[in-house]
Protein backbone atom coordinates (compact mmCIF):
# COMPACT_ATOMS: atom_id res chain seq x y z
CA UNK A 1 0.00 -0.01 -0.03
CA UNK A 2 1.35 3.41 -0.92
CA UNK A 3 2.01 6.28 1.62
CA UNK A 4 -0.78 8.30 0.33
CA UNK A 5 -3.24 5.30 0.60
CA UNK A 6 -2.05 4.70 4.17
CA UNK A 7 -2.45 8.36 5.17
CA UNK A 8 -5.89 8.67 3.64
CA UNK A 9 -7.10 5.32 5.24
CA UNK A 10 -5.71 6.34 8.56
CA UNK A 11 -7.69 9.67 8.48
CA UNK A 12 -10.87 7.96 7.35
CA UNK A 13 -10.57 5.52 10.24
CA UNK A 14 -10.08 8.46 12.71
CA UNK A 15 -12.95 10.38 11.36
CA UNK A 16 -15.59 7.76 11.29
CA UNK A 17 -18.15 9.36 13.50
CA UNK A 18 -21.14 11.44 12.35
CA UNK A 19 -21.45 12.22 8.73
CA UNK A 20 -17.77 11.41 7.97
CA UNK A 21 -15.14 13.74 6.69
CA UNK A 22 -15.00 16.25 3.77
CA UNK A 23 -12.81 15.88 0.91
CA UNK A 24 -11.03 19.16 1.79
CA UNK A 25 -10.48 18.31 5.39
CA UNK A 26 -9.22 14.75 4.36
CA UNK A 27 -6.80 16.32 1.89
CA UNK A 28 -5.42 18.78 4.52
CA UNK A 29 -5.14 16.07 7.08
CA UNK A 30 -3.48 13.59 4.79
CA UNK A 31 -1.26 16.36 3.23
CA UNK A 32 -2.38 15.58 -0.26
CA UNK A 33 -4.40 17.43 -2.99
CA UNK A 34 -8.22 17.00 -3.37
CA UNK A 35 -7.74 15.38 -6.71
CA UNK A 36 -5.42 12.80 -5.02
CA UNK A 37 -8.05 12.09 -2.34
CA UNK A 38 -10.69 11.17 -5.04
CA UNK A 39 -8.15 8.83 -6.76
CA UNK A 40 -6.94 7.19 -3.61
CA UNK A 41 -10.51 6.68 -2.22
CA UNK A 42 -11.33 4.96 -5.51
CA UNK A 43 -8.10 2.73 -5.01
CA UNK A 44 -9.17 1.98 -1.44
CA UNK A 45 -12.67 0.94 -2.64
CA UNK A 46 -11.06 -1.66 -4.97
CA UNK A 47 -9.38 -3.52 -1.95
CA UNK A 48 -11.36 -6.52 -0.82
CA UNK A 49 -13.30 -6.02 2.36
CA UNK A 50 -13.21 -2.22 2.32
CA UNK A 51 -16.41 -0.27 2.17
CA UNK A 52 -16.21 3.53 1.96
CA UNK A 53 -19.54 5.55 1.84
CA UNK A 54 -20.10 8.69 0.01
CA UNK A 55 -22.74 11.15 1.21
CA UNK A 56 -23.76 14.60 0.15
CA UNK A 57 -24.90 17.04 2.71
CA UNK A 58 -25.93 20.76 2.45
CA UNK A 59 -23.93 22.86 4.79
CA UNK A 60 -24.66 26.69 4.85
CA UNK A 61 -26.30 26.34 1.40
CA UNK A 62 -23.32 24.55 -0.09
CA UNK A 63 -23.39 20.91 -1.14
CA UNK A 64 -20.44 18.96 0.32
CA UNK A 65 -19.16 15.46 -0.22
CA UNK A 66 -18.41 13.34 2.93
CA UNK A 67 -16.54 10.01 2.98
CA UNK A 68 -17.02 7.51 5.82
CA UNK A 69 -15.32 4.09 6.09
CA UNK A 70 -17.43 1.12 7.26
CA UNK A 71 -16.48 0.04 10.84
C-alpha cells in the first residue's frame, strides 16, 4: 500500500463518526491534493473487504461530499 493510501485510510478511520469527513479536510489532514483524495479513495474501494460510503450534505447552502469508512 502506498504512503498516500495509508495516510488517507488512517484519516478515514479516525474520522468515522457522524457524517464523516469532507474531501477538503481529508486532503489537508493527509497532506495531499483534493484530486489525489478522489483517486486514492477509488483505489481503497477496490481493496477486498473495504467499504467507503460517499454522502452529500448541504452545509450553509453549499453541497459537500463526505466520506466515511465502514466500521
